[in-house]
Protein backbone atom coordinates (compact mmCIF):
# COMPACT_ATOMS: atom_id res chain seq x y z
CA UNK A 1 0.00 0.00 0.00
CA UNK A 2 1.27 3.46 -0.89
CA UNK A 3 2.04 5.88 1.87
CA UNK A 4 -0.31 8.84 2.34
CA UNK A 5 0.44 12.08 0.58
CA UNK A 6 2.91 14.21 2.48
CA UNK A 7 1.55 17.27 4.26
CA UNK A 8 2.51 20.77 3.07
CA UNK A 9 3.90 21.32 6.57
CA UNK A 10 6.32 18.39 6.27
CA UNK A 11 9.96 19.43 5.86
CA UNK A 12 11.43 19.29 2.34
CA UNK A 13 12.88 15.93 1.38
CA UNK A 14 15.89 14.95 -0.67
CA UNK A 15 15.70 12.78 -3.78
CA UNK A 16 16.97 9.80 -1.79
CA UNK A 17 14.32 10.27 0.94
CA UNK A 18 11.40 10.95 -1.39
CA UNK A 19 11.14 7.52 -2.93
CA UNK A 20 11.64 6.51 -6.48
CA UNK A 21 10.44 8.60 -9.36
CA UNK A 22 9.84 6.87 -12.66
CA UNK A 23 9.82 8.57 -16.05
CA UNK A 24 7.68 6.63 -18.53
CA UNK A 25 8.52 7.45 -22.15
CA UNK A 26 6.23 6.55 -25.06
CA UNK A 27 8.38 4.55 -27.43
CA UNK A 28 5.82 3.62 -30.09
CA UNK A 29 5.23 6.91 -31.92
CA UNK A 30 7.05 7.55 -35.14
CA UNK A 31 7.36 10.58 -37.33
CA UNK A 32 5.82 10.78 -40.78
CA UNK A 33 8.25 9.37 -43.29
CA UNK A 34 10.16 7.21 -40.81
CA UNK A 35 10.55 3.65 -41.98
CA UNK A 36 9.94 0.62 -39.76
CA UNK A 37 13.69 0.21 -39.15
CA UNK A 38 14.21 3.84 -38.08
CA UNK A 39 14.72 4.14 -34.32
CA UNK A 40 11.67 5.83 -32.87
CA UNK A 41 12.03 9.25 -31.23
CA UNK A 42 10.73 7.99 -27.87
CA UNK A 43 13.27 5.20 -27.83
CA UNK A 44 16.05 7.70 -28.45
CA UNK A 45 14.67 10.01 -25.73
CA UNK A 46 14.44 7.14 -23.22
CA UNK A 47 17.99 6.03 -24.04
CA UNK A 48 19.34 9.56 -23.58
CA UNK A 49 17.43 10.05 -20.33
CA UNK A 50 18.58 6.67 -18.99
CA UNK A 51 22.19 7.46 -19.82
CA UNK A 52 21.95 10.74 -17.89
CA UNK A 53 19.65 9.59 -15.07
CA UNK A 54 20.13 10.93 -11.59
CA UNK A 55 19.92 8.88 -8.38
CA UNK A 56 16.38 7.97 -7.37
CA UNK A 57 15.02 8.28 -10.93
CA UNK A 58 14.34 5.33 -13.19
CA UNK A 59 13.37 5.41 -16.86
CA UNK A 60 11.01 2.97 -18.54
CA UNK A 61 9.76 2.71 -22.08
CA UNK A 62 6.04 2.09 -22.56
CA UNK A 63 4.29 0.99 -25.73
CA UNK A 64 1.85 3.90 -25.98
CA UNK A 65 0.55 6.72 -23.81
CA UNK A 66 -2.39 7.35 -26.18
CA UNK A 67 -1.38 10.96 -26.79
CA UNK A 68 -0.41 10.63 -30.45
CA UNK A 69 -1.84 13.97 -31.59
CA UNK A 70 0.39 15.88 -29.14
CA UNK A 71 3.67 14.35 -30.28
CA UNK A 72 6.22 12.56 -28.22
CA UNK A 73 4.88 11.97 -24.71
CA UNK A 74 6.17 11.00 -21.30
CA UNK A 75 4.77 10.65 -17.80
CA UNK A 76 6.46 11.21 -14.46
CA UNK A 77 5.24 8.95 -11.67
CA UNK A 78 5.90 8.73 -7.95
CA UNK A 79 4.04 6.26 -5.73
CA UNK A 80 1.35 7.88 -3.60
CA UNK A 81 1.57 11.14 -5.56
CA UNK A 82 -0.03 12.64 -8.62
CA UNK A 83 1.26 11.42 -12.00
CA UNK A 84 2.09 14.03 -14.65
CA UNK A 85 1.64 13.40 -18.39
CA UNK A 86 3.45 15.64 -20.88
CA UNK A 87 3.25 15.96 -24.66
CA UNK A 88 4.92 18.00 -27.36
CA UNK A 89 8.34 16.71 -26.31
CA UNK A 90 11.20 15.94 -28.65
CA UNK A 91 14.32 13.79 -28.60
CA UNK A 92 16.21 16.60 -26.88
CA UNK A 93 13.81 16.79 -23.91
CA UNK A 94 15.84 14.51 -21.64
CA UNK A 95 17.21 17.43 -19.60
CA UNK A 96 13.70 18.84 -19.06
CA UNK A 97 12.34 15.45 -17.95
CA UNK A 98 15.32 14.89 -15.68
CA UNK A 99 14.83 18.30 -14.02
CA UNK A 100 11.08 17.67 -13.65
CA UNK A 101 11.76 14.29 -12.04
CA UNK A 102 14.30 15.87 -9.68
CA UNK A 103 11.82 18.58 -8.65
CA UNK A 104 9.05 16.02 -8.16
CA UNK A 105 11.27 13.73 -6.10
CA UNK A 106 12.08 16.57 -3.75
CA UNK A 107 8.51 17.80 -3.33
CA UNK A 108 7.18 17.17 0.17
CA UNK A 109 3.54 17.74 -0.83
CA UNK A 110 3.26 15.12 -3.59
CA UNK A 111 2.95 17.71 -6.38
CA UNK A 112 5.52 18.69 -8.98
CA UNK A 113 6.37 22.33 -8.25
CA UNK A 114 5.44 24.86 -10.95
CA UNK A 115 8.31 27.16 -10.01
CA UNK A 116 11.53 25.85 -11.50
CA UNK A 117 9.74 23.45 -13.84
CA UNK A 118 11.26 23.57 -17.34
CA UNK A 119 9.14 25.50 -19.84
CA UNK A 120 8.51 22.35 -21.93
CA UNK A 121 6.89 20.76 -18.87
CA UNK A 122 4.75 23.84 -18.22
CA UNK A 123 3.32 24.26 -21.70
CA UNK A 124 3.34 20.52 -22.50
CA UNK A 125 1.27 19.37 -19.51
CA UNK A 126 -1.49 17.08 -20.78
CA UNK A 127 -2.89 15.74 -17.51
CA UNK A 128 -2.28 15.39 -13.82
CA UNK A 129 -3.69 12.05 -12.61
CA UNK A 130 -4.54 11.53 -8.93
CA UNK A 131 -2.95 8.74 -6.95
CA UNK A 132 -4.98 5.55 -6.61
CA UNK A 133 -5.17 6.04 -2.83
CA UNK A 134 -7.16 9.22 -3.37
CA UNK A 135 -9.80 7.33 -5.35
CA UNK A 136 -10.65 4.98 -2.49
CA UNK A 137 -11.95 7.93 -0.45
CA UNK A 138 -14.46 9.01 -3.10
CA UNK A 139 -18.16 8.17 -2.66
């Protein structure tokens, strides 16, 4: 069972204390004109992000995030917290995703801070999905 969401009055936490953050990168989209043998942009983004990953952040490829009309997509997940889905990314977005994951990991309130978030993660936000634990309290 996931731990409850941290309180806004809790002290800030470090990446190591916060628990793992996972970046999920859509690896199935391809650009118009790319052949079946061409490495997909999401695969290249996931590889770059994995090669540059910081402690406490893991990277996973997923088959499809269902956000094809908004371009390359990724989600940033942390157990017991909101999950953030982003679109309009490109192969060079690994630094933005890494910084977003770092900010999220250090957030004591379970939300990715707006301040300090890379611009691509501000304008590319598709959805913020509540943690499963929140759903059990709904009528």
